Amino acid sequence: MSQKNSFIQVNGGNEYLVLSRKQGTTRIKIDDILYFEKELRIIHVYTEDDIYSFYGSFKELKKMIDKRFCRCHNSFIVNLNKTVHLERYEIHLVNGAVLSVSQRRYSHTKKSFLRHLC
């Protein structure tokens, strides 16, 4: 993901993920993002209303987003603001979605989740 194609924009106190793609430019409010899913070189951005996709890497994405996001699995980065429950190897979101938490990332995810609650 090149900084030219995707970036974070702050406008009036709101933060947005701006995606420039062949279909045009899309601005997604960071607070509306439930989670990111990686599928090969494509990253899907899930909100309660829609799914947006773009080419990129989690490595580059993690440089742009803040600590409210936690990589809970090789394929998922979750918005902790949208998380309601964490149990062994599953994280439940406000919209009812349940994401896998890998065994390797469980300890980090649990610490991040608990720290985020405070």
C-alpha atoms as a PDB file:
ATOM      1  CA  MET A   1       0.000   0.000   0.000  1.00  0.00           C
ATOM      2  CA  SER A   2       1.612   3.174  -1.115  1.00  0.00           C
ATOM      3  CA  GLN A   3       1.112   6.394   0.812  1.00  0.00           C
ATOM      4  CA  LYS A   4      -0.118   7.858  -2.506  1.00  0.00           C
ATOM      5  CA  ASN A   5      -2.945   5.310  -2.705  1.00  0.00           C
ATOM      6  CA  SER A   6      -4.095   5.127   0.909  1.00  0.00           C
ATOM      7  CA  PHE A   7      -3.614   7.443   3.841  1.00  0.00           C
ATOM      8  CA  ILE A   8      -5.176   8.746   7.047  1.00  0.00           C
ATOM      9  CA  GLN A   9      -6.829  12.166   6.858  1.00  0.00           C
ATOM     10  CA  VAL A  10      -7.893  14.273   9.853  1.00  0.00           C
ATOM     11  CA  ASN A  11     -10.776  16.623   9.167  1.00  0.00           C
ATOM     12  CA  GLY A  12     -12.652  18.515  11.875  1.00  0.00           C
ATOM     13  CA  GLY A  13     -11.598  16.106  14.620  1.00  0.00           C
ATOM     14  CA  ASN A  14     -12.628  13.044  12.605  1.00  0.00           C
ATOM     15  CA  GLU A  15     -10.107  10.631  11.162  1.00  0.00           C
ATOM     16  CA  TYR A  16     -10.635   8.964   7.807  1.00  0.00           C
ATOM     17  CA  LEU A  17      -8.937   6.198   5.872  1.00  0.00           C
ATOM     18  CA  VAL A  18      -8.731   7.464   2.306  1.00  0.00           C
ATOM     19  CA  LEU A  19      -8.508   4.788  -0.394  1.00  0.00           C
ATOM     20  CA  SER A  20      -7.605   5.726  -3.959  1.00  0.00           C
ATOM     21  CA  ARG A  21      -8.497   2.915  -6.328  1.00  0.00           C
ATOM     22  CA  LYS A  22      -9.354   2.462  -9.993  1.00  0.00           C
ATOM     23  CA  GLN A  23     -13.039   2.858  -9.079  1.00  0.00           C
ATOM     24  CA  GLY A  24     -12.341   6.234  -7.485  1.00  0.00           C
ATOM     25  CA  THR A  25     -11.450   7.644  -4.099  1.00  0.00           C
ATOM     26  CA  THR A  26     -13.303   6.539  -0.981  1.00  0.00           C
ATOM     27  CA  ARG A  27     -13.167   8.121   2.466  1.00  0.00           C
ATOM     28  CA  ILE A  28     -14.030   5.813   5.392  1.00  0.00           C
ATOM     29  CA  LYS A  29     -14.424   7.172   8.914  1.00  0.00           C
ATOM     30  CA  ILE A  30     -11.914   5.331  11.146  1.00  0.00           C
ATOM     31  CA  ASP A  31     -14.505   5.045  13.944  1.00  0.00           C
ATOM     32  CA  ASP A  32     -16.817   3.155  11.551  1.00  0.00           C
ATOM     33  CA  ILE A  33     -14.293   0.413  10.744  1.00  0.00           C
ATOM     34  CA  LEU A  34     -15.057  -2.910  12.443  1.00  0.00           C
ATOM     35  CA  TYR A  35     -12.027  -4.802  11.172  1.00  0.00           C
ATOM     36  CA  PHE A  36      -9.621  -5.410   8.317  1.00  0.00           C
ATOM     37  CA  GLU A  37      -9.238  -8.789   6.633  1.00  0.00           C
ATOM     38  CA  LYS A  38      -6.253  -9.787   4.514  1.00  0.00           C
ATOM     39  CA  GLU A  39      -6.782 -12.110   1.579  1.00  0.00           C
ATOM     40  CA  LEU A  40      -3.494 -12.592  -0.280  1.00  0.00           C
ATOM     41  CA  ARG A  41      -2.582  -9.024  -1.398  1.00  0.00           C
ATOM     42  CA  ILE A  42      -6.098  -7.641  -0.978  1.00  0.00           C
ATOM     43  CA  ILE A  43      -7.249  -5.971   2.231  1.00  0.00           C
ATOM     44  CA  HIS A  44     -10.988  -5.825   2.914  1.00  0.00           C
ATOM     45  CA  VAL A  45     -12.257  -3.032   5.184  1.00  0.00           C
ATOM     46  CA  TYR A  46     -15.465  -4.007   7.007  1.00  0.00           C
ATOM     47  CA  THR A  47     -17.885  -1.402   8.340  1.00  0.00           C
ATOM     48  CA  GLU A  48     -21.434  -1.997   9.536  1.00  0.00           C
ATOM     49  CA  ASP A  49     -22.740  -0.741   6.188  1.00  0.00           C
ATOM     50  CA  ASP A  50     -20.256  -1.907   3.560  1.00  0.00           C
ATOM     51  CA  ILE A  51     -17.062  -3.718   2.596  1.00  0.00           C
ATOM     52  CA  TYR A  52     -14.257  -1.902   0.764  1.00  0.00           C
ATOM     53  CA  SER A  53     -11.279  -3.618  -0.832  1.00  0.00           C
ATOM     54  CA  PHE A  54      -7.854  -2.427  -1.913  1.00  0.00           C
ATOM     55  CA  TYR A  55      -4.411  -3.804  -2.637  1.00  0.00           C
ATOM     56  CA  GLY A  56      -1.987  -3.466   0.248  1.00  0.00           C
ATOM     57  CA  SER A  57      -0.160  -5.077   3.131  1.00  0.00           C
ATOM     58  CA  PHE A  58      -0.903  -5.258   6.831  1.00  0.00           C
ATOM     59  CA  LYS A  59       2.644  -4.065   7.497  1.00  0.00           C
ATOM     60  CA  GLU A  60       1.951  -0.742   5.756  1.00  0.00           C
ATOM     61  CA  LEU A  61      -1.565  -0.511   7.185  1.00  0.00           C
ATOM     62  CA  LYS A  62      -0.298  -0.939  10.773  1.00  0.00           C
ATOM     63  CA  LYS A  63       1.982   2.090  10.270  1.00  0.00           C
ATOM     64  CA  MET A  64      -1.081   4.253   9.570  1.00  0.00           C
ATOM     65  CA  ILE A  65      -3.556   3.109  12.236  1.00  0.00           C
ATOM     66  CA  ASP A  66      -3.417   3.619  16.001  1.00  0.00           C
ATOM     67  CA  LYS A  67      -3.609   1.416  19.095  1.00  0.00           C
ATOM     68  CA  ARG A  68      -7.376   0.991  18.944  1.00  0.00           C
ATOM     69  CA  PHE A  69      -6.594  -1.607  16.265  1.00  0.00           C
ATOM     70  CA  CYS A  70      -5.118  -4.980  17.203  1.00  0.00           C
ATOM     71  CA  ARG A  71      -3.845  -7.739  14.952  1.00  0.00           C
ATOM     72  CA  CYS A  72      -5.554 -10.775  16.454  1.00  0.00           C
ATOM     73  CA  HIS A  73      -4.808 -13.203  13.631  1.00  0.00           C
ATOM     74  CA  ASN A  74      -2.623 -13.380  10.553  1.00  0.00           C
ATOM     75  CA  SER A  75      -5.722 -12.444   8.531  1.00  0.00           C
ATOM     76  CA  PHE A  76      -7.447  -9.931  10.850  1.00  0.00           C
ATOM     77  CA  ILE A  77      -6.867  -6.533  12.435  1.00  0.00           C
ATOM     78  CA  VAL A  78      -9.785  -5.668  14.710  1.00  0.00           C
ATOM     79  CA  ASN A  79     -11.021  -2.303  15.998  1.00  0.00           C
ATOM     80  CA  LEU A  80     -11.057  -2.735  19.791  1.00  0.00           C
ATOM     81  CA  ASN A  81     -13.703   0.018  20.034  1.00  0.00           C
ATOM     82  CA  LYS A  82     -16.051  -2.366  18.208  1.00  0.00           C
ATOM     83  CA  THR A  83     -15.247  -5.406  20.360  1.00  0.00           C
ATOM     84  CA  VAL A  84     -17.721  -6.611  22.980  1.00  0.00           C
ATOM     85  CA  HIS A  85     -16.327  -9.956  24.116  1.00  0.00           C
ATOM     86  CA  LEU A  86     -13.085 -11.919  23.981  1.00  0.00           C
ATOM     87  CA  GLU A  87     -12.977 -15.606  24.717  1.00  0.00           C
ATOM     88  CA  ARG A  88     -10.409 -18.236  23.984  1.00  0.00           C
ATOM     89  CA  TYR A  89      -9.500 -17.819  20.317  1.00  0.00           C
ATOM     90  CA  GLU A  90     -12.577 -15.753  19.391  1.00  0.00           C
ATOM     91  CA  ILE A  91     -13.339 -12.066  19.472  1.00  0.00           C
ATOM     92  CA  HIS A  92     -16.962 -10.880  19.192  1.00  0.00           C
ATOM     93  CA  LEU A  93     -17.888  -7.565  17.591  1.00  0.00           C
ATOM     94  CA  VAL A  94     -20.840  -5.211  18.083  1.00  0.00           C
ATOM     95  CA  ASN A  95     -22.439  -6.316  14.804  1.00  0.00           C
ATOM     96  CA  GLY A  96     -22.430  -9.996  15.831  1.00  0.00           C
ATOM     97  CA  ALA A  97     -19.376 -10.953  13.768  1.00  0.00           C
ATOM     98  CA  VAL A  98     -16.995 -13.423  15.402  1.00  0.00           C
ATOM     99  CA  LEU A  99     -13.334 -13.372  14.352  1.00  0.00           C
ATOM    100  CA  SER A 100     -10.666 -15.950  15.045  1.00  0.00           C
ATOM    101  CA  VAL A 101      -7.832 -15.114  17.408  1.00  0.00           C
ATOM    102  CA  SER A 102      -4.750 -17.158  16.640  1.00  0.00           C
ATOM    103  CA  GLN A 103      -3.063 -19.071  19.421  1.00  0.00           C
ATOM    104  CA  ARG A 104       0.139 -17.166  18.720  1.00  0.00           C
ATOM    105  CA  ARG A 105      -1.575 -13.754  19.009  1.00  0.00           C
ATOM    106  CA  TYR A 106      -4.002 -14.563  21.845  1.00  0.00           C
ATOM    107  CA  SER A 107      -1.832 -13.223  24.686  1.00  0.00           C
ATOM    108  CA  HIS A 108      -1.147  -9.925  22.880  1.00  0.00           C
ATOM    109  CA  THR A 109      -4.817  -9.601  21.886  1.00  0.00           C
ATOM    110  CA  LYS A 110      -5.995 -10.210  25.456  1.00  0.00           C
ATOM    111  CA  LYS A 111      -3.557  -7.627  26.862  1.00  0.00           C
ATOM    112  CA  SER A 112      -4.601  -5.066  24.240  1.00  0.00           C
ATOM    113  CA  PHE A 113      -8.292  -5.745  24.855  1.00  0.00           C
ATOM    114  CA  LEU A 114      -7.964  -5.391  28.649  1.00  0.00           C
ATOM    115  CA  ARG A 115      -5.807  -2.244  28.337  1.00  0.00           C
ATOM    116  CA  HIS A 116      -8.370  -0.773  25.950  1.00  0.00           C
ATOM    117  CA  LEU A 117     -11.207  -1.322  28.450  1.00  0.00           C
ATOM    118  CA  CYS A 118      -9.573   0.939  31.040  1.00  0.00           C
END
